[in-house]
Amino acid sequence: MDKTIADRLKEARNKAGMHQEDAARSMEMSRPTLSAIESGKRVVSAEEVRKFSALYDVSSNWLLYGDNSEEEARMRRLGKYYQLYSKLNATEQNEVIKFIEQILNK
């Protein structure tokens, strides 16, 4: 059976490690509203799809259509980065983490 947008939203939230309450708060909606969206009882607006995409760090195409080619490419890149990272010693790994944190805090 093909997954619906409701199924993919729930899956993305779970993969992001978020509870409904946290996701609803981030989306500025009530938890019952998010629950209705995830159960397919409420339609999702285009703007909400965009916000969910950003919140869960998944592509809008994947949420809407299940197209995960972008996601698969991103996961392959992450896998390559992890392989390189795992070859570093603990001190080098800490340096990489500090560098990433500096970039993110700009």
PDB file of N, CA and C in Angstrom:
ATOM      1  N   MET A   1       0.838  -1.184   0.000  1.00  0.00           N
ATOM      2  CA  MET A   1       0.000   0.000   0.000  1.00  0.00           C
ATOM      3  C   MET A   1       0.881   1.246   0.000  1.00  0.00           C
ATOM      4  N   ASP A   2       0.537   2.207  -0.842  1.00  0.00           N
ATOM      5  CA  ASP A   2       1.284   3.457  -0.894  1.00  0.00           C
ATOM      6  C   ASP A   2       0.991   4.290   0.347  1.00  0.00           C
ATOM      7  N   LYS A   3       2.030   4.958   0.806  1.00  0.00           N
ATOM      8  CA  LYS A   3       1.869   5.828   1.962  1.00  0.00           C
ATOM      9  C   LYS A   3       1.223   7.138   1.535  1.00  0.00           C
ATOM     10  N   THR A   4       0.479   7.721   2.439  1.00  0.00           N
ATOM     11  CA  THR A   4      -0.144   9.019   2.209  1.00  0.00           C
ATOM     12  C   THR A   4       0.746  10.104   2.786  1.00  0.00           C
ATOM     13  N   ILE A   5       0.405  11.348   2.497  1.00  0.00           N
ATOM     14  CA  ILE A   5       1.158  12.452   3.088  1.00  0.00           C
ATOM     15  C   ILE A   5       1.061  12.387   4.614  1.00  0.00           C
ATOM     16  N   ALA A   6      -0.092  11.978   5.123  1.00  0.00           N
ATOM     17  CA  ALA A   6      -0.259  11.844   6.571  1.00  0.00           C
ATOM     18  C   ALA A   6       0.734  10.824   7.130  1.00  0.00           C
ATOM     19  N   ASP A   7       0.875   9.689   6.447  1.00  0.00           N
ATOM     20  CA  ASP A   7       1.826   8.655   6.877  1.00  0.00           C
ATOM     21  C   ASP A   7       3.257   9.188   6.860  1.00  0.00           C
ATOM     22  N   ARG A   8       3.603   9.919   5.781  1.00  0.00           N
ATOM     23  CA  ARG A   8       4.964  10.433   5.661  1.00  0.00           C
ATOM     24  C   ARG A   8       5.246  11.518   6.703  1.00  0.00           C
ATOM     25  N   LEU A   9       4.243  12.329   7.026  1.00  0.00           N
ATOM     26  CA  LEU A   9       4.439  13.344   8.068  1.00  0.00           C
ATOM     27  C   LEU A   9       4.726  12.685   9.418  1.00  0.00           C
ATOM     28  N   LYS A  10       3.974  11.671   9.731  1.00  0.00           N
ATOM     29  CA  LYS A  10       4.186  10.955  10.999  1.00  0.00           C
ATOM     30  C   LYS A  10       5.559  10.281  11.004  1.00  0.00           C
ATOM     31  N   GLU A  11       5.907   9.647   9.892  1.00  0.00           N
ATOM     32  CA  GLU A  11       7.209   8.992   9.776  1.00  0.00           C
ATOM     33  C   GLU A  11       8.349  10.005   9.942  1.00  0.00           C
ATOM     34  N   ALA A  12       8.219  11.152   9.280  1.00  0.00           N
ATOM     35  CA  ALA A  12       9.258  12.183   9.360  1.00  0.00           C
ATOM     36  C   ALA A  12       9.394  12.714  10.786  1.00  0.00           C
ATOM     37  N   ARG A  13       8.261  12.913  11.467  1.00  0.00           N
ATOM     38  CA  ARG A  13       8.305  13.385  12.854  1.00  0.00           C
ATOM     39  C   ARG A  13       9.009  12.362  13.741  1.00  0.00           C
ATOM     40  N   ASN A  14       8.665  11.100  13.561  1.00  0.00           N
ATOM     41  CA  ASN A  14       9.300  10.047  14.371  1.00  0.00           C
ATOM     42  C   ASN A  14      10.792   9.959  14.097  1.00  0.00           C
ATOM     43  N   LYS A  15      11.181  10.038  12.817  1.00  0.00           N
ATOM     44  CA  LYS A  15      12.605   9.983  12.480  1.00  0.00           C
ATOM     45  C   LYS A  15      13.353  11.188  13.028  1.00  0.00           C
ATOM     46  N   ALA A  16      12.650  12.318  13.155  1.00  0.00           N
ATOM     47  CA  ALA A  16      13.264  13.516  13.729  1.00  0.00           C
ATOM     48  C   ALA A  16      13.329  13.425  15.254  1.00  0.00           C
ATOM     49  N   GLY A  17      12.712  12.390  15.822  1.00  0.00           N
ATOM     50  CA  GLY A  17      12.747  12.185  17.264  1.00  0.00           C
ATOM     51  C   GLY A  17      11.864  13.156  18.027  1.00  0.00           C
ATOM     52  N   MET A  18      10.802  13.606  17.398  1.00  0.00           N
ATOM     53  CA  MET A  18       9.917  14.581  18.028  1.00  0.00           C
ATOM     54  C   MET A  18       8.602  13.937  18.452  1.00  0.00           C
ATOM     55  N   HIS A  19       8.096  14.396  19.584  1.00  0.00           N
ATOM     56  CA  HIS A  19       6.761  14.013  20.021  1.00  0.00           C
ATOM     57  C   HIS A  19       5.765  14.951  19.350  1.00  0.00           C
ATOM     58  N   GLN A  20       4.506  14.513  19.261  1.00  0.00           N
ATOM     59  CA  GLN A  20       3.490  15.360  18.636  1.00  0.00           C
ATOM     60  C   GLN A  20       3.416  16.731  19.303  1.00  0.00           C
ATOM     61  N   GLU A  21       3.486  16.766  20.609  1.00  0.00           N
ATOM     62  CA  GLU A  21       3.369  18.039  21.343  1.00  0.00           C
ATOM     63  C   GLU A  21       4.473  19.014  20.918  1.00  0.00           C
ATOM     64  N   ASP A  22       5.701  18.513  20.827  1.00  0.00           N
ATOM     65  CA  ASP A  22       6.831  19.363  20.431  1.00  0.00           C
ATOM     66  C   ASP A  22       6.682  19.851  18.990  1.00  0.00           C
ATOM     67  N   ALA A  23       6.300  18.944  18.100  1.00  0.00           N
ATOM     68  CA  ALA A  23       6.134  19.315  16.694  1.00  0.00           C
ATOM     69  C   ALA A  23       4.994  20.320  16.542  1.00  0.00           C
ATOM     70  N   ALA A  24       3.908  20.086  17.240  1.00  0.00           N
ATOM     71  CA  ALA A  24       2.763  20.997  17.164  1.00  0.00           C
ATOM     72  C   ALA A  24       3.157  22.398  17.647  1.00  0.00           C
ATOM     73  N   ARG A  25       3.883  22.449  18.736  1.00  0.00           N
ATOM     74  CA  ARG A  25       4.338  23.738  19.266  1.00  0.00           C
ATOM     75  C   ARG A  25       5.224  24.441  18.244  1.00  0.00           C
ATOM     76  N   SER A  26       6.139  23.712  17.637  1.00  0.00           N
ATOM     77  CA  SER A  26       7.026  24.291  16.630  1.00  0.00           C
ATOM     78  C   SER A  26       6.246  24.778  15.403  1.00  0.00           C
ATOM     79  N   MET A  27       5.170  24.092  15.091  1.00  0.00           N
ATOM     80  CA  MET A  27       4.337  24.456  13.937  1.00  0.00           C
ATOM     81  C   MET A  27       3.278  25.499  14.295  1.00  0.00           C
ATOM     82  N   GLU A  28       3.224  25.869  15.570  1.00  0.00           N
ATOM     83  CA  GLU A  28       2.246  26.838  16.079  1.00  0.00           C
ATOM     84  C   GLU A  28       0.815  26.362  15.825  1.00  0.00           C
ATOM     85  N   MET A  29       0.581  25.088  16.179  1.00  0.00           N
ATOM     86  CA  MET A  29      -0.756  24.512  16.090  1.00  0.00           C
ATOM     87  C   MET A  29      -0.972  23.647  17.328  1.00  0.00           C
ATOM     88  N   SER A  30      -2.191  23.249  17.561  1.00  0.00           N
ATOM     89  CA  SER A  30      -2.468  22.389  18.715  1.00  0.00           C
ATOM     90  C   SER A  30      -2.071  20.947  18.405  1.00  0.00           C
ATOM     91  N   ARG A  31      -1.847  20.176  19.460  1.00  0.00           N
ATOM     92  CA  ARG A  31      -1.519  18.774  19.263  1.00  0.00           C
ATOM     93  C   ARG A  31      -2.677  18.029  18.601  1.00  0.00           C
ATOM     94  N   PRO A  32      -3.960  18.300  18.980  1.00  0.00           N
ATOM     95  CA  PRO A  32      -5.051  17.630  18.271  1.00  0.00           C
ATOM     96  C   PRO A  32      -5.087  17.952  16.768  1.00  0.00           C
ATOM     97  N   THR A  33      -4.695  19.164  16.392  1.00  0.00           N
ATOM     98  CA  THR A  33      -4.649  19.513  14.972  1.00  0.00           C
ATOM     99  C   THR A  33      -3.587  18.678  14.266  1.00  0.00           C
ATOM    100  N   LEU A  34      -2.401  18.579  14.883  1.00  0.00           N
ATOM    101  CA  LEU A  34      -1.339  17.757  14.294  1.00  0.00           C
ATOM    102  C   LEU A  34      -1.778  16.301  14.216  1.00  0.00           C
ATOM    103  N   SER A  35      -2.436  15.825  15.244  1.00  0.00           N
ATOM    104  CA  SER A  35      -2.932  14.451  15.248  1.00  0.00           C
ATOM    105  C   SER A  35      -3.914  14.232  14.100  1.00  0.00           C
ATOM    106  N   ALA A  36      -4.795  15.196  13.856  1.00  0.00           N
ATOM    107  CA  ALA A  36      -5.758  15.087  12.757  1.00  0.00           C
ATOM    108  C   ALA A  36      -5.045  15.067  11.405  1.00  0.00           C
ATOM    109  N   ILE A  37      -3.991  15.862  11.284  1.00  0.00           N
ATOM    110  CA  ILE A  37      -3.213  15.873  10.038  1.00  0.00           C
ATOM    111  C   ILE A  37      -2.558  14.517   9.828  1.00  0.00           C
ATOM    112  N   GLU A  38      -1.915  13.990  10.879  1.00  0.00           N
ATOM    113  CA  GLU A  38      -1.199  12.721  10.767  1.00  0.00           C
ATOM    114  C   GLU A  38      -2.129  11.527  10.569  1.00  0.00           C
ATOM    115  N   SER A  39      -3.395  11.680  10.930  1.00  0.00           N
ATOM    116  CA  SER A  39      -4.337  10.579  10.724  1.00  0.00           C
ATOM    117  C   SER A  39      -5.124  10.747   9.424  1.00  0.00           C
ATOM    118  N   GLY A  40      -4.823  11.830   8.675  1.00  0.00           N
ATOM    119  CA  GLY A  40      -5.478  12.054   7.398  1.00  0.00           C
ATOM    120  C   GLY A  40      -6.862  12.655   7.507  1.00  0.00           C
ATOM    121  N   LYS A  41      -7.210  13.151   8.692  1.00  0.00           N
ATOM    122  CA  LYS A  41      -8.543  13.740   8.898  1.00  0.00           C
ATOM    123  C   LYS A  41      -8.575  15.239   8.598  1.00  0.00           C
ATOM    124  N   ARG A  42      -7.407  15.819   8.415  1.00  0.00           N
ATOM    125  CA  ARG A  42      -7.315  17.251   8.102  1.00  0.00           C
ATOM    126  C   ARG A  42      -6.329  17.441   6.957  1.00  0.00           C
ATOM    127  N   VAL A  43      -6.702  18.276   6.024  1.00  0.00           N
ATOM    128  CA  VAL A  43      -5.862  18.571   4.864  1.00  0.00           C
ATOM    129  C   VAL A  43      -4.709  19.485   5.304  1.00  0.00           C
ATOM    130  N   VAL A  44      -3.567  19.322   4.668  1.00  0.00           N
ATOM    131  CA  VAL A  44      -2.387  20.128   4.967  1.00  0.00           C
ATOM    132  C   VAL A  44      -2.257  21.199   3.889  1.00  0.00           C
ATOM    133  N   SER A  45      -2.036  22.432   4.303  1.00  0.00           N
ATOM    134  CA  SER A  45      -1.855  23.516   3.333  1.00  0.00           C
ATOM    135  C   SER A  45      -0.441  23.482   2.760  1.00  0.00           C
ATOM    136  N   ALA A  46      -0.254  24.160   1.652  1.00  0.00           N
ATOM    137  CA  ALA A  46       1.076  24.238   1.024  1.00  0.00           C
ATOM    138  C   ALA A  46       2.081  24.864   1.984  1.00  0.00           C
ATOM    139  N   GLU A  47       1.675  25.907   2.690  1.00  0.00           N
ATOM    140  CA  GLU A  47       2.565  26.567   3.644  1.00  0.00           C
ATOM    141  C   GLU A  47       2.940  25.614   4.781  1.00  0.00           C
ATOM    142  N   GLU A  48       1.986  24.808   5.233  1.00  0.00           N
ATOM    143  CA  GLU A  48       2.278  23.836   6.289  1.00  0.00           C
ATOM    144  C   GLU A  48       3.249  22.772   5.785  1.00  0.00           C
ATOM    145  N   VAL A  49       3.092  22.343   4.540  1.00  0.00           N
ATOM    146  CA  VAL A  49       4.030  21.369   3.969  1.00  0.00           C
ATOM    147  C   VAL A  49       5.436  21.955   3.985  1.00  0.00           C
ATOM    148  N   ARG A  50       5.565  23.213   3.588  1.00  0.00           N
ATOM    149  CA  ARG A  50       6.874  23.877   3.588  1.00  0.00           C
ATOM    150  C   ARG A  50       7.461  23.917   4.997  1.00  0.00           C
ATOM    151  N   LYS A  51       6.636  24.253   5.985  1.00  0.00           N
ATOM    152  CA  LYS A  51       7.112  24.338   7.372  1.00  0.00           C
ATOM    153  C   LYS A  51       7.470  22.956   7.933  1.00  0.00           C
ATOM    154  N   PHE A  52       6.628  21.961   7.640  1.00  0.00           N
ATOM    155  CA  PHE A  52       6.942  20.595   8.079  1.00  0.00           C
ATOM    156  C   PHE A  52       8.258  20.130   7.458  1.00  0.00           C
ATOM    157  N   SER A  53       8.442  20.434   6.195  1.00  0.00           N
ATOM    158  CA  SER A  53       9.660  20.048   5.487  1.00  0.00           C
ATOM    159  C   SER A  53      10.884  20.619   6.190  1.00  0.00           C
ATOM    160  N   ALA A  54      10.824  21.886   6.551  1.00  0.00           N
ATOM    161  CA  ALA A  54      11.946  22.528   7.243  1.00  0.00           C
ATOM    162  C   ALA A  54      12.117  21.955   8.648  1.00  0.00           C
ATOM    163  N   LEU A  55      11.018  21.772   9.360  1.00  0.00           N
ATOM    164  CA  LEU A  55      11.077  21.270  10.737  1.00  0.00           C
ATOM    165  C   LEU A  55      11.685  19.879  10.798  1.00  0.00           C
ATOM    166  N   TYR A  56      11.274  19.000   9.893  1.00  0.00           N
ATOM    167  CA  TYR A  56      11.723  17.609   9.918  1.00  0.00           C
ATOM    168  C   TYR A  56      12.946  17.367   9.043  1.00  0.00           C
ATOM    169  N   ASP A  57      13.398  18.394   8.349  1.00  0.00           N
ATOM    170  CA  ASP A  57      14.561  18.304   7.472  1.00  0.00           C
ATOM    171  C   ASP A  57      14.392  17.209   6.421  1.00  0.00           C
ATOM    172  N   VAL A  58      13.245  17.256   5.740  1.00  0.00           N
ATOM    173  CA  VAL A  58      12.967  16.359   4.622  1.00  0.00           C
ATOM    174  C   VAL A  58      12.493  17.219   3.455  1.00  0.00           C
ATOM    175  N   SER A  59      12.527  16.685   2.257  1.00  0.00           N
ATOM    176  CA  SER A  59      12.094  17.469   1.100  1.00  0.00           C
ATOM    177  C   SER A  59      10.569  17.524   1.020  1.00  0.00           C
ATOM    178  N   SER A  60      10.082  18.630   0.498  1.00  0.00           N
ATOM    179  CA  SER A  60       8.639  18.774   0.273  1.00  0.00           C
ATOM    180  C   SER A  60       8.146  17.725  -0.715  1.00  0.00           C
ATOM    181  N   ASN A  61       8.972  17.415  -1.717  1.00  0.00           N
ATOM    182  CA  ASN A  61       8.590  16.384  -2.692  1.00  0.00           C
ATOM    183  C   ASN A  61       8.356  15.049  -2.012  1.00  0.00           C
ATOM    184  N   TRP A  62       9.196  14.727  -1.052  1.00  0.00           N
ATOM    185  CA  TRP A  62       9.012  13.457  -0.352  1.00  0.00           C
ATOM    186  C   TRP A  62       7.717  13.481   0.457  1.00  0.00           C
ATOM    187  N   LEU A  63       7.472  14.591   1.166  1.00  0.00           N
ATOM    188  CA  LEU A  63       6.239  14.679   1.952  1.00  0.00           C
ATOM    189  C   LEU A  63       5.009  14.565   1.056  1.00  0.00           C
ATOM    190  N   LEU A  64       5.033  15.254  -0.074  1.00  0.00           N
ATOM    191  CA  LEU A  64       3.863  15.284  -0.948  1.00  0.00           C
ATOM    192  C   LEU A  64       3.683  14.009  -1.761  1.00  0.00           C
ATOM    193  N   TYR A  65       4.766  13.507  -2.307  1.00  0.00           N
ATOM    194  CA  TYR A  65       4.651  12.439  -3.297  1.00  0.00           C
ATOM    195  C   TYR A  65       5.394  11.151  -2.961  1.00  0.00           C
ATOM    196  N   GLY A  66       6.176  11.176  -1.902  1.00  0.00           N
ATOM    197  CA  GLY A  66       6.971  10.003  -1.567  1.00  0.00           C
ATOM    198  C   GLY A  66       8.238   9.903  -2.384  1.00  0.00           C
ATOM    199  N   ASP A  67       8.529  10.948  -3.170  1.00  0.00           N
ATOM    200  CA  ASP A  67       9.748  10.985  -3.981  1.00  0.00           C
ATOM    201  C   ASP A  67      10.923  11.223  -3.047  1.00  0.00           C
ATOM    202  N   ASN A  68      11.749  10.216  -2.898  1.00  0.00           N
ATOM    203  CA  ASN A  68      12.855  10.340  -1.955  1.00  0.00           C
ATOM    204  C   ASN A  68      14.219  10.344  -2.629  1.00  0.00           C
ATOM    205  N   SER A  69      14.264  10.674  -3.907  1.00  0.00           N
ATOM    206  CA  SER A  69      15.559  10.674  -4.593  1.00  0.00           C
ATOM    207  C   SER A  69      16.506  11.691  -3.954  1.00  0.00           C
ATOM    208  N   GLU A  70      15.980  12.861  -3.577  1.00  0.00           N
ATOM    209  CA  GLU A  70      16.812  13.853  -2.891  1.00  0.00           C
ATOM    210  C   GLU A  70      17.269  13.318  -1.541  1.00  0.00           C
ATOM    211  N   GLU A  71      16.355  12.689  -0.842  1.00  0.00           N
ATOM    212  CA  GLU A  71      16.662  12.147   0.482  1.00  0.00           C
ATOM    213  C   GLU A  71      17.713  11.034   0.378  1.00  0.00           C
ATOM    214  N   GLU A  72      17.579  10.171  -0.612  1.00  0.00           N
ATOM    215  CA  GLU A  72      18.550   9.095  -0.789  1.00  0.00           C
ATOM    216  C   GLU A  72      19.933   9.651  -1.106  1.00  0.00           C
ATOM    217  N   ALA A  73      19.992  10.679  -1.934  1.00  0.00           N
ATOM    218  CA  ALA A  73      21.279  11.311  -2.263  1.00  0.00           C
ATOM    219  C   ALA A  73      21.890  11.933  -1.009  1.00  0.00           C
ATOM    220  N   ARG A  74      21.068  12.572  -0.214  1.00  0.00           N
ATOM    221  CA  ARG A  74      21.548  13.188   1.028  1.00  0.00           C
ATOM    222  C   ARG A  74      22.060  12.121   1.988  1.00  0.00           C
ATOM    223  N   MET A  75      21.356  11.005   2.087  1.00  0.00           N
ATOM    224  CA  MET A  75      21.786   9.927   2.976  1.00  0.00           C
ATOM    225  C   MET A  75      23.099   9.308   2.494  1.00  0.00           C
ATOM    226  N   ARG A  76      23.274   9.193   1.186  1.00  0.00           N
ATOM    227  CA  ARG A  76      24.545   8.679   0.662  1.00  0.00           C
ATOM    228  C   ARG A  76      25.691   9.618   1.040  1.00  0.00           C
ATOM    229  N   ARG A  77      25.454  10.931   0.904  1.00  0.00           N
ATOM    230  CA  ARG A  77      26.487  11.905   1.280  1.00  0.00           C
ATOM    231  C   ARG A  77      26.803  11.802   2.763  1.00  0.00           C
ATOM    232  N   LEU A  78      25.767  11.691   3.590  1.00  0.00           N
ATOM    233  CA  LEU A  78      25.986  11.567   5.029  1.00  0.00           C
ATOM    234  C   LEU A  78      26.767  10.303   5.363  1.00  0.00           C
ATOM    235  N   GLY A  79      26.467   9.222   4.656  1.00  0.00           N
ATOM    236  CA  GLY A  79      27.193   7.977   4.869  1.00  0.00           C
ATOM    237  C   GLY A  79      28.672   8.127   4.550  1.00  0.00           C
ATOM    238  N   LYS A  80      28.963   8.830   3.459  1.00  0.00           N
ATOM    239  CA  LYS A  80      30.362   9.067   3.090  1.00  0.00           C
ATOM    240  C   LYS A  80      31.051   9.938   4.141  1.00  0.00           C
ATOM    241  N   TYR A  81      30.337  10.976   4.604  1.00  0.00           N
ATOM    242  CA  TYR A  81      30.913  11.850   5.633  1.00  0.00           C
ATOM    243  C   TYR A  81      31.185  11.061   6.910  1.00  0.00           C
ATOM    244  N   TYR A  82      30.255  10.178   7.259  1.00  0.00           N
ATOM    245  CA  TYR A  82      30.439   9.381   8.468  1.00  0.00           C
ATOM    246  C   TYR A  82      31.644   8.456   8.339  1.00  0.00           C
ATOM    247  N   GLN A  83      31.816   7.854   7.176  1.00  0.00           N
ATOM    248  CA  GLN A  83      32.970   6.975   6.970  1.00  0.00           C
ATOM    249  C   GLN A  83      34.270   7.743   7.169  1.00  0.00           C
ATOM    250  N   LEU A  84      34.328   8.944   6.618  1.00  0.00           N
ATOM    251  CA  LEU A  84      35.534   9.774   6.795  1.00  0.00           C
ATOM    252  C   LEU A  84      35.712  10.157   8.261  1.00  0.00           C
ATOM    253  N   TYR A  85      34.627  10.584   8.892  1.00  0.00           N
ATOM    254  CA  TYR A  85      34.655  11.008  10.294  1.00  0.00           C
ATOM    255  C   TYR A  85      35.124   9.871  11.200  1.00  0.00           C
ATOM    256  N   SER A  86      34.646   8.657  10.933  1.00  0.00           N
ATOM    257  CA  SER A  86      34.983   7.522  11.794  1.00  0.00           C
ATOM    258  C   SER A  86      36.456   7.135  11.710  1.00  0.00           C
ATOM    259  N   LYS A  87      37.141   7.588  10.657  1.00  0.00           N
ATOM    260  CA  LYS A  87      38.571   7.306  10.522  1.00  0.00           C
ATOM    261  C   LYS A  87      39.430   8.254  11.359  1.00  0.00           C
ATOM    262  N   LEU A  88      38.818   9.315  11.863  1.00  0.00           N
ATOM    263  CA  LEU A  88      39.560  10.287  12.673  1.00  0.00           C
ATOM    264  C   LEU A  88      39.698   9.787  14.102  1.00  0.00           C
ATOM    265  N   ASN A  89      40.747  10.244  14.784  1.00  0.00           N
ATOM    266  CA  ASN A  89      40.868   9.910  16.205  1.00  0.00           C
ATOM    267  C   ASN A  89      39.950  10.847  16.999  1.00  0.00           C
ATOM    268  N   ALA A  90      39.817  10.606  18.294  1.00  0.00           N
ATOM    269  CA  ALA A  90      38.876  11.358  19.135  1.00  0.00           C
ATOM    270  C   ALA A  90      39.160  12.862  19.123  1.00  0.00           C
ATOM    271  N   THR A  91      40.426  13.241  19.168  1.00  0.00           N
ATOM    272  CA  THR A  91      40.787  14.661  19.159  1.00  0.00           C
ATOM    273  C   THR A  91      40.360  15.311  17.847  1.00  0.00           C
ATOM    274  N   GLU A  92      40.619  14.633  16.738  1.00  0.00           N
ATOM    275  CA  GLU A  92      40.238  15.162  15.425  1.00  0.00           C
ATOM    276  C   GLU A  92      38.710  15.244  15.285  1.00  0.00           C
ATOM    277  N   GLN A  93      38.020  14.249  15.816  1.00  0.00           N
ATOM    278  CA  GLN A  93      36.556  14.279  15.774  1.00  0.00           C
ATOM    279  C   GLN A  93      36.017  15.476  16.554  1.00  0.00           C
ATOM    280  N   ASN A  94      36.598  15.743  17.716  1.00  0.00           N
ATOM    281  CA  ASN A  94      36.179  16.907  18.506  1.00  0.00           C
ATOM    282  C   ASN A  94      36.426  18.203  17.757  1.00  0.00           C
ATOM    283  N   GLU A  95      37.530  18.282  17.035  1.00  0.00           N
ATOM    284  CA  GLU A  95      37.829  19.470  16.240  1.00  0.00           C
ATOM    285  C   GLU A  95      36.795  19.664  15.141  1.00  0.00           C
ATOM    286  N   VAL A  96      36.397  18.582  14.510  1.00  0.00           N
ATOM    287  CA  VAL A  96      35.384  18.656  13.460  1.00  0.00           C
ATOM    288  C   VAL A  96      34.066  19.157  14.051  1.00  0.00           C
ATOM    289  N   ILE A  97      33.667  18.624  15.199  1.00  0.00           N
ATOM    290  CA  ILE A  97      32.424  19.043  15.852  1.00  0.00           C
ATOM    291  C   ILE A  97      32.484  20.527  16.205  1.00  0.00           C
ATOM    292  N   LYS A  98      33.602  20.977  16.758  1.00  0.00           N
ATOM    293  CA  LYS A  98      33.752  22.394  17.100  1.00  0.00           C
ATOM    294  C   LYS A  98      33.651  23.268  15.849  1.00  0.00           C
ATOM    295  N   PHE A  99      34.263  22.829  14.756  1.00  0.00           N
ATOM    296  CA  PHE A  99      34.212  23.575  13.505  1.00  0.00           C
ATOM    297  C   PHE A  99      32.773  23.687  13.002  1.00  0.00           C
ATOM    298  N   ILE A 100      32.052  22.588  13.026  1.00  0.00           N
ATOM    299  CA  ILE A 100      30.652  22.591  12.587  1.00  0.00           C
ATOM    300  C   ILE A 100      29.823  23.537  13.467  1.00  0.00           C
ATOM    301  N   GLU A 101      30.056  23.472  14.774  1.00  0.00           N
ATOM    302  CA  GLU A 101      29.312  24.351  15.691  1.00  0.00           C
ATOM    303  C   GLU A 101      29.615  25.819  15.404  1.00  0.00           C
ATOM    304  N   GLN A 102      30.877  26.140  15.077  1.00  0.00           N
ATOM    305  CA  GLN A 102      31.226  27.514  14.735  1.00  0.00           C
ATOM    306  C   GLN A 102      30.481  27.963  13.486  1.00  0.00           C
ATOM    307  N   ILE A 103      30.416  27.113  12.492  1.00  0.00           N
ATOM    308  CA  ILE A 103      29.718  27.449  11.250  1.00  0.00           C
ATOM    309  C   ILE A 103      28.232  27.692  11.524  1.00  0.00           C
ATOM    310  N   LEU A 104      27.632  26.828  12.318  1.00  0.00           N
ATOM    311  CA  LEU A 104      26.208  26.938  12.594  1.00  0.00           C
ATOM    312  C   LEU A 104      25.869  28.162  13.435  1.00  0.00           C
ATOM    313  N   ASN A 105      26.806  28.622  14.235  1.00  0.00           N
ATOM    314  CA  ASN A 105      26.551  29.753  15.119  1.00  0.00           C
ATOM    315  C   ASN A 105      26.851  31.101  14.479  1.00  0.00           C
ATOM    316  N   LYS A 106      27.225  31.118  13.213  1.00  0.00           N
ATOM    317  CA  LYS A 106      27.527  32.391  12.529  1.00  0.00           C
ATOM    318  C   LYS A 106      26.274  33.178  12.303  1.00  0.00           C
TER     319      LYS A 106
END
